[in-house]
């Protein structure tokens, strides 16, 4: 049976369903017996949901062009007089 440390290291693979059947069963068995790890898994799930809900929209064209100019080393255009 995995320890609490093992579960904390396997949490991403567990939540993304990337564990072997044996690994998944081990984590499930541990979770049935460990309140702390169940709370930890619940907190991770909530964090994932909150981050997904507040995802930033993609940048606008102007922002993208500014970043690309900065990466390629070209200077941004001079601002118009009076700005």
Protein backbone atom coordinates (compact mmCIF):
# COMPACT_ATOMS: atom_id res chain seq x y z
CA UNK A 1 0.00 0.00 0.00
CA UNK A 2 1.36 3.46 -0.86
CA UNK A 3 2.25 5.87 1.92
CA UNK A 4 0.99 9.45 2.19
CA UNK A 5 4.26 10.60 0.60
CA UNK A 6 3.71 8.18 -2.30
CA UNK A 7 0.18 9.52 -2.83
CA UNK A 8 1.44 13.10 -2.85
CA UNK A 9 3.98 12.16 -5.52
CA UNK A 10 1.42 10.25 -7.58
CA UNK A 11 -1.42 12.78 -7.34
CA UNK A 12 -0.95 14.21 -10.84
CA UNK A 13 -0.78 10.80 -12.49
CA UNK A 14 -3.76 9.65 -10.42
CA UNK A 15 -5.91 12.64 -11.37
CA UNK A 16 -4.88 12.41 -15.03
CA UNK A 17 -5.54 8.64 -15.02
CA UNK A 18 -2.01 7.77 -16.02
CA UNK A 19 -1.36 5.13 -13.35
CA UNK A 20 -1.23 1.43 -14.00
CA UNK A 21 -4.17 -0.56 -12.66
CA UNK A 22 -2.00 -1.70 -9.76
CA UNK A 23 -0.89 1.87 -8.99
CA UNK A 24 -4.46 3.18 -9.21
CA UNK A 25 -5.74 0.43 -6.90
CA UNK A 26 -2.96 1.18 -4.41
CA UNK A 27 -3.85 4.86 -4.30
CA UNK A 28 -7.57 4.07 -4.02
CA UNK A 29 -6.91 1.66 -1.14
CA UNK A 30 -4.83 4.30 0.64
CA UNK A 31 -7.50 6.97 0.09
CA UNK A 32 -10.17 4.74 1.66
CA UNK A 33 -8.12 4.70 4.85
CA UNK A 34 -6.53 8.17 4.97
CA UNK A 35 -8.59 11.31 5.65
CA UNK A 36 -5.61 13.61 5.10
CA UNK A 37 -4.90 12.27 1.62
CA UNK A 38 -8.59 12.40 0.67
CA UNK A 39 -8.61 16.08 1.66
CA UNK A 40 -5.38 16.64 -0.31
CA UNK A 41 -6.85 15.05 -3.44
CA UNK A 42 -10.03 17.12 -3.03
CA UNK A 43 -7.95 20.30 -2.69
CA UNK A 44 -6.00 19.44 -5.84
CA UNK A 45 -9.22 18.82 -7.78
CA UNK A 46 -10.65 22.14 -6.59
CA UNK A 47 -7.42 23.96 -7.52
CA UNK A 48 -7.56 22.47 -11.02
CA UNK A 49 -11.21 23.54 -11.40
CA UNK A 50 -10.51 27.07 -10.16
CA UNK A 51 -7.56 27.51 -12.48
CA UNK A 52 -9.54 26.22 -15.44
CA UNK A 53 -12.45 28.56 -14.65
CA UNK A 54 -10.19 31.61 -14.42
CA UNK A 55 -8.03 30.86 -17.45
CA UNK A 56 -6.81 33.96 -19.18
CA UNK A 57 -8.04 34.65 -22.70
CA UNK A 58 -5.44 34.57 -25.44
CA UNK A 59 -3.53 37.83 -25.92
CA UNK A 60 -4.65 40.33 -28.52
CA UNK A 61 -2.84 40.80 -31.83
CA UNK A 62 -1.04 43.93 -30.62
CA UNK A 63 0.32 42.16 -27.55
CA UNK A 64 1.43 39.20 -29.62
CA UNK A 65 3.24 41.45 -32.10
CA UNK A 66 4.97 43.36 -29.28
CA UNK A 67 6.23 40.12 -27.76
CA UNK A 68 7.42 38.82 -31.13
CA UNK A 69 9.31 42.07 -31.81
CA UNK A 70 10.94 41.85 -28.38
CA UNK A 71 11.96 38.24 -28.95
CA UNK A 72 13.40 38.98 -32.38
CA UNK A 73 15.19 42.09 -31.13
CA UNK A 74 13.43 44.74 -33.16
CA UNK A 75 12.48 47.94 -31.41
CA UNK A 76 8.83 48.84 -30.94
CA UNK A 77 7.55 51.71 -33.07
CA UNK A 78 8.07 55.21 -31.63
CA UNK A 79 4.96 56.64 -30.03
CA UNK A 80 3.21 59.47 -31.84
CA UNK A 81 4.16 62.96 -30.68
CA UNK A 82 2.29 64.04 -27.58
CA UNK A 83 1.81 60.51 -26.17
